[in-house]
Each structure stands twice: as C-alpha cells, then as structure tokens.
Amino acid sequence: MNFQGKRVLVTGGTRGIGKSIAHTFNSMGASVTTTGRTRPDNTPEDDFISVDFLVPKSVSEFLDKVESLDFDIVVNNAGINKIDLVHEIDYQDWQRIQEVNLNVPFRICQKVIPYMRTKGWGRIVNIASIFGVVSKSKRASYASSKFGLLGLTKTLSLDYAKDNILVNCVSPGFIDTELTREILSPQEIEQMVSTVPMGRLGQPEEIANTVAFLSSDLNSFITGQNIIADGGFVNG
C-alpha cells in the first residue's frame, strides 16, 4: 500500500489506536494531520491541529481548517466515554458523548466530501466499537453514539458510492493501549482476555493496518461495511 500524494486526517491521533493509525499512514508515504487538545512534543505545526471537540468555537475554527486542506482520506477516531446506568446518566454527559463520537464525525464528513466528489476519489473510515454491535451494562451513552456512527456510515456509503468515495467502519474489540493499562488492573485485563476466543488483546497496529487497507486503492469495492476486529469476541 502506497499513500504518496495522499493527505490524511486522523482525529484523536495523539495516543493509542489513533497514534498507530497516523504512524502507519506516515510510514506508507502519506501526509498526515492529526488532532488533539494538546500538541505532542516535536510535532510539526503543519501535521497537527489543536481542537477541543466540546468547545463550539474550537470546533468551528477546526472545521474551517478542514475545509481548506483538501483531505483525500479521513479517519474519525476521536471518542469519549462515561459509564452509568440509564436512570443515572447526567444529560450533559450524554450530550458530550454524542457530540464527540457522532456529531463531530458528521460535521467533518460534510466538510471533506465536496472536495472528494470534485476529485472523484475519497476514503472515510469511522472508528466505531464492538459496543456498536453488541452492548454492555452501563454503556447506553457510548453504545448509542457508536450505533449511530454505523448508521451514518451506511448512509454516506449509499449517497457517495457513485463519486468513488468509499465509507466504512472499523469496530475494535479489546485493544492493548496505554489507556487500557491505565484504567484496568492486570486481573481485570486477564478476565477480559478470557472472553476473547483468540486469547489475547488486539494490538493498535492491527487496527491501523485494517484502516490502511480500507483507505487504499487495494480497496475498490468495499463500502458501507463494519469490519469487526475483535479476535472473535462478538461471536463468542
């Protein structure tokens, strides 16, 4: 896979899966722009856009930049989560999760699709979750946002297939990231691994490679799909 001459946007690209996706595209020759609230050390200004997706003014300024940069490939990876039983969910938390996980990807797509249509080529990959396929207790806010992202993806694929804009989802399962190691104890990780038929956590690079394939010229006929990368969890 070669992405020479392609301009790529990866939201939430400062750590974990997003960082791995950005690195993979970079290694294959793409010009990659990532987003985050704080610029990582030694990141060139042209390769990073600082944005807080929960601040309307910041989002508005970010979208203006996106519209002007002519991205060929967009990976909507940024996301947030907070767990609670439905009757205990603070409505503001619900709104924040929908804003970052669903509304922002929708608005980014609105900005990038006109250029992709003009060029007659584009790739959009939305990072969803296994919890957009199956759910789990206390995940109403998060699961709703990811189910919504799947619906957006399928409709985008129908609206723009004739423009050679292919739109897909990748739904990671349990992935070995810094965040996973921060919030879960070794015992909790062991318990989680026991539910995965392959008997291990996924690696960020495995998600990145899937995203790269879907974004490449090797993918010429897959659109509107949700690729579940979970080591068999949802079938277990």
Foldseek 3Di string as FASTA:
>chain_A
DAAAPAEEEQEPLPWDLNVLLQVVNVVRHYQAAYEEQDDDPPDDPVRYQHADLVDVVRLVVVLVVLLPPQGQEYELEDFDFDFDAPVPDDVVVLVVRLSNLAVSVVSSCVRRVVSLLVVLHHEYEYEAAVLCVPNDHRGVSRNVSRVNVLVVQLVVCVVCVRSHYAGEYEHEYAEDTPVCPVPDDPVRLQVVLVLAPVSHHHYSNVSSVVSVCRGDPVDRDDHSYYHYHYNCNVVD
